[in-house]
Protein backbone atom coordinates (compact mmCIF):
# COMPACT_ATOMS: atom_id res chain seq x y z
CA MET A 1 -30.80 -19.08 48.49
CA ALA A 2 -32.67 -22.36 48.74
CA SER A 3 -36.42 -22.49 49.08
CA SER A 4 -37.59 -20.87 52.33
CA HIS A 5 -39.47 -23.98 53.56
CA LEU A 6 -36.35 -26.11 53.18
CA PRO A 7 -33.55 -26.29 55.75
CA ILE A 8 -29.93 -25.81 54.73
CA LEU A 9 -28.65 -29.33 54.17
CA SER A 10 -25.24 -30.65 55.19
CA LEU A 11 -22.82 -32.28 52.75
CA LEU A 12 -23.75 -35.73 54.06
CA GLU A 13 -27.48 -35.01 53.78
CA THR A 14 -27.10 -33.99 50.13
CA ARG A 15 -24.92 -37.06 49.55
CA VAL A 16 -27.63 -39.32 51.00
CA LEU A 17 -30.26 -37.76 48.73
CA GLY A 18 -27.99 -37.98 45.71
CA VAL A 19 -27.15 -41.63 46.33
CA LEU A 20 -30.80 -42.62 46.79
CA CYS A 21 -31.80 -40.91 43.54
CA GLU A 22 -28.83 -42.32 41.63
CA LYS A 23 -29.34 -45.90 42.81
CA GLN A 24 -33.07 -45.74 42.08
CA HIS A 25 -32.10 -45.57 38.40
CA THR A 26 -28.85 -47.56 38.30
CA VAL A 27 -29.76 -50.50 40.58
CA PRO A 28 -33.57 -50.51 40.63
CA ASP A 29 -33.69 -54.17 41.74
CA THR A 30 -32.15 -53.27 45.13
CA TYR A 31 -34.01 -49.97 45.60
CA PRO A 32 -35.12 -48.76 48.16
CA LEU A 33 -31.68 -49.10 49.74
CA SER A 34 -30.67 -50.81 52.95
CA LEU A 35 -28.52 -48.81 55.36
CA ASN A 36 -25.43 -50.79 54.36
CA ALA A 37 -25.98 -50.07 50.67
CA LEU A 38 -26.63 -46.40 51.39
CA VAL A 39 -23.44 -46.05 53.44
CA ALA A 40 -21.47 -47.75 50.67
CA GLY A 41 -22.95 -45.37 48.10
CA CYS A 42 -22.09 -42.33 50.22
CA ASN A 43 -18.49 -43.51 50.64
CA GLN A 44 -18.07 -44.55 47.01
CA LYS A 45 -14.71 -43.53 45.59
CA THR A 46 -15.86 -43.08 41.97
CA SER A 47 -18.29 -40.46 40.63
CA ARG A 48 -18.14 -38.53 43.91
CA HIS A 49 -16.76 -35.12 44.86
CA PRO A 50 -15.70 -34.65 47.51
CA ILE A 51 -14.91 -38.21 48.61
CA ILE A 52 -16.12 -38.80 52.16
CA GLU A 53 -15.95 -41.56 54.79
CA ALA A 54 -19.23 -41.56 56.70
CA SER A 55 -20.16 -44.04 59.43
CA GLU A 56 -23.50 -45.84 59.74
CA ALA A 57 -24.38 -43.64 62.71
CA GLU A 58 -23.66 -40.47 60.72
CA VAL A 59 -25.74 -41.66 57.76
CA LEU A 60 -28.61 -42.60 60.09
CA SER A 61 -28.47 -39.13 61.62
CA ALA A 62 -28.62 -37.59 58.14
CA ILE A 63 -31.59 -39.80 57.27
CA ASP A 64 -33.43 -38.66 60.42
CA SER A 65 -32.82 -35.02 59.49
CA LEU A 66 -34.13 -35.59 55.97
CA LYS A 67 -37.32 -37.24 57.24
CA GLY A 68 -38.41 -33.89 58.70
CA PRO A 69 -38.90 -32.11 55.35
CA ALA A 70 -40.12 -35.45 53.90
CA LEU A 71 -37.17 -35.79 51.53
CA VAL A 72 -36.45 -39.36 52.66
CA ILE A 73 -39.00 -42.01 53.57
CA GLU A 74 -38.50 -45.30 55.39
CA THR A 75 -40.03 -48.48 54.06
CA SER A 76 -40.65 -51.67 55.99
CA GLY A 77 -42.11 -55.09 55.34
CA GLY A 78 -38.91 -57.09 55.12
CA ARG A 79 -36.20 -58.07 57.57
CA VAL A 80 -34.10 -55.02 56.62
CA THR A 81 -35.26 -51.43 56.89
CA ARG A 82 -34.91 -49.64 53.55
CA TYR A 83 -34.84 -46.00 52.51
CA ALA A 84 -36.10 -44.08 49.48
CA HIS A 85 -35.95 -40.44 48.44
CA ASN A 86 -39.04 -38.28 48.00
CA MET A 87 -37.36 -35.41 46.17
CA GLU A 88 -39.83 -34.86 43.36
CA ARG A 89 -42.74 -34.42 45.76
CA GLY A 90 -40.72 -32.83 48.57
CA LEU A 91 -39.09 -30.24 46.31
CA ARG A 92 -42.00 -30.03 43.85
CA LEU A 93 -39.70 -30.46 40.87
CA PRO A 94 -39.84 -32.50 37.63
CA SER A 95 -37.61 -35.54 37.16
CA GLN A 96 -35.30 -33.62 34.79
CA SER A 97 -34.49 -31.08 37.51
CA ILE A 98 -34.02 -33.83 40.09
CA ALA A 99 -31.51 -35.53 37.76
CA LEU A 100 -29.46 -32.33 37.49
CA LEU A 101 -29.57 -31.68 41.24
CA THR A 102 -28.49 -35.27 41.88
CA ALA A 103 -25.45 -34.90 39.61
CA LEU A 104 -24.52 -31.65 41.35
CA MET A 105 -24.95 -33.15 44.83
CA LEU A 106 -22.80 -36.17 43.99
CA ARG A 107 -20.06 -34.55 41.90
CA GLY A 108 -19.94 -30.87 42.86
CA PRO A 109 -20.01 -27.88 40.46
CA GLN A 110 -20.13 -28.78 36.75
CA THR A 111 -20.71 -27.20 33.38
CA ALA A 112 -23.92 -27.82 31.44
CA GLY A 113 -21.99 -30.19 29.16
CA GLU A 114 -20.67 -32.21 32.10
CA LEU A 115 -24.13 -32.32 33.65
CA ARG A 116 -25.62 -33.67 30.44
CA ILE A 117 -23.13 -36.55 30.47
CA ASN A 118 -23.16 -37.22 34.22
CA SER A 119 -26.95 -37.28 34.53
CA GLU A 120 -27.50 -39.48 31.47
CA ARG A 121 -28.46 -42.59 33.45
CA LEU A 122 -31.04 -40.55 35.38
CA HIS A 123 -32.44 -38.61 32.42
CA ARG A 124 -31.27 -38.37 28.82
CA PHE A 125 -31.30 -34.73 27.74
CA ALA A 126 -31.57 -34.09 24.01
CA ASP A 127 -28.82 -31.46 24.00
CA ILE A 128 -27.00 -28.93 26.16
CA SER A 129 -29.71 -26.34 25.50
CA ALA A 130 -32.22 -28.59 27.26
CA VAL A 131 -29.90 -28.86 30.26
CA GLU A 132 -29.44 -25.10 30.34
CA GLY A 133 -33.20 -24.57 30.16
CA PHE A 134 -33.83 -26.65 33.28
CA LEU A 135 -30.87 -25.02 35.06
CA GLN A 136 -32.35 -21.60 34.36
CA GLU A 137 -35.71 -22.72 35.73
CA LEU A 138 -34.01 -23.95 38.91
CA ALA A 139 -32.10 -20.67 39.21
CA GLU A 140 -35.20 -18.51 38.74
CA ARG A 141 -37.71 -20.35 40.93
CA PRO A 142 -40.12 -17.88 42.60
CA GLU A 143 -39.88 -19.92 45.84
CA GLY A 144 -36.10 -19.59 45.86
CA ALA A 145 -33.23 -20.57 43.60
CA MET A 146 -31.85 -24.10 43.88
CA VAL A 147 -28.85 -23.68 41.59
CA VAL A 148 -26.50 -20.83 40.74
CA GLU A 149 -24.20 -20.17 37.80
CA LEU A 150 -20.68 -19.63 39.11
CA PRO A 151 -18.34 -16.92 37.81
CA ARG A 152 -16.26 -18.10 34.87
CA GLN A 153 -12.77 -19.10 35.92
CA PRO A 154 -9.69 -17.69 34.20
CA GLY A 155 -8.88 -19.70 31.06
CA SER A 156 -12.20 -21.56 31.14
CA ARG A 157 -14.56 -21.57 28.15
CA GLU A 158 -17.69 -22.57 30.06
CA ASN A 159 -19.37 -21.57 33.31
CA ARG A 160 -20.02 -24.15 36.01
CA TRP A 161 -23.22 -24.55 38.01
CA ALA A 162 -23.65 -25.47 41.69
CA HIS A 163 -26.65 -26.44 43.82
CA LEU A 164 -27.85 -24.22 46.67
CA LEU A 165 -29.33 -26.89 48.92
CA SER A 166 -26.39 -26.39 51.29
CA GLY A 167 -26.38 -22.62 51.00
CA ALA A 168 -24.04 -20.51 48.90
CA PRO A 169 -21.23 -22.69 47.50
CA GLU A 170 -17.57 -22.00 48.04
CA VAL A 171 -15.97 -21.16 44.73
CA GLU A 172 -13.20 -23.64 44.04
CA THR A 173 -10.32 -23.10 41.68
CA ALA A 174 -10.45 -25.89 39.15
CA PRO A 175 -7.47 -26.91 37.00
CA VAL A 176 -7.64 -25.20 33.64
CA ALA A 177 -7.65 -27.50 30.62
CA HIS A 178 -5.85 -25.98 27.64
CA SER A 179 -6.82 -27.04 24.16
CA ALA A 180 -4.74 -26.82 21.04
CA ALA A 181 -5.07 -23.47 19.29
CA GLY A 182 -7.60 -23.26 16.54
CA THR A 183 -9.65 -26.33 17.48
CA GLY A 184 -13.32 -25.53 17.11
CA ALA A 185 -14.84 -28.89 17.91
CA ASP A 186 -18.59 -29.03 18.50
CA VAL A 187 -18.06 -31.14 21.63
CA GLY A 188 -16.68 -29.03 24.50
CA ILE A 189 -13.64 -29.93 26.54
CA SER A 190 -15.80 -30.48 29.59
CA GLU A 191 -17.94 -33.04 27.77
CA ILE A 192 -14.85 -34.97 26.64
CA ALA A 193 -13.49 -34.97 30.20
CA ALA A 194 -16.84 -36.12 31.54
CA LEU A 195 -17.02 -38.91 28.97
CA LYS A 196 -13.55 -40.11 29.94
CA ALA A 197 -14.54 -40.07 33.61
CA ASN A 198 -17.70 -42.02 32.78
CA VAL A 199 -15.71 -44.66 30.89
CA ALA A 200 -13.34 -45.05 33.85
CA ARG A 201 -16.30 -45.37 36.23
CA LEU A 202 -18.00 -47.96 34.04
CA GLU A 203 -14.79 -49.99 33.77
CA THR A 204 -14.52 -49.98 37.56
CA GLU A 205 -18.15 -51.09 37.93
CA VAL A 206 -17.69 -53.89 35.35
CA ASP A 207 -14.61 -55.16 37.20
CA ALA A 208 -16.56 -55.15 40.47
CA LEU A 209 -19.44 -57.04 38.85
CA LYS A 210 -17.03 -59.62 37.40
CA ARG A 211 -15.58 -60.22 40.86
CA LEU A 212 -19.07 -60.55 42.33
CA VAL A 213 -20.15 -63.04 39.64
CA GLY A 214 -16.97 -65.06 40.19
CA LYS A 215 -17.60 -65.14 43.92
CA LEU A 216 -21.22 -66.22 43.47
CA CYS A 217 -20.23 -68.92 40.99
CA ALA A 218 -17.59 -70.22 43.39
CA GLU A 219 -20.13 -70.36 46.23
CA LEU A 220 -22.67 -72.16 44.05
CA GLY A 221 -20.07 -74.51 42.60
CA VAL A 222 -20.73 -73.61 38.98
CA ALA A 223 -18.36 -72.49 36.26
CA ASP A 224 -18.44 -68.78 35.51
């Protein structure tokens, strides 16, 4: 179970935390996030599982709930109120563990190999053993486990991990990927799948940036 001083968080609350931590590293120039940016991040269609459609009112309610345990803080000073996470201090965890929790909160249960790939922009782990070491620390915390290793699914070569910030996870049945017989590649199937997903996500983000640059150039009357 999660740490005793921490409430059981809802899916939207974990999504808010995950988005704030992710965007802190991926778009530092616009962090802390405005409410609009936070809602967009929660409802993002790529790199999210499950995909949700939250309203501004629902995200604000989640933010208010997360202020209680000091996991989210509000910043002022400009025309727009902005929000930042306080996970490292609130959960008393190192940045490596926060990176893994963020990937789990945003994408659901994953193997250590998938977590290494999906958390790369938050923290670059040297190898899968390093990921597994931090996962074990999170699972064996004296204050209460924050992750759990799920039972291995039939036909799967690797176990998946899930966070416990929302209580015990429901075990989902994931599609089984079959590899050709006799292939003993050093890179696991899960890492290859995660890499492909990352490439697709990056292509989507590049396309979005190209559209944004084109729009800005058109508004400024300059050639892109």
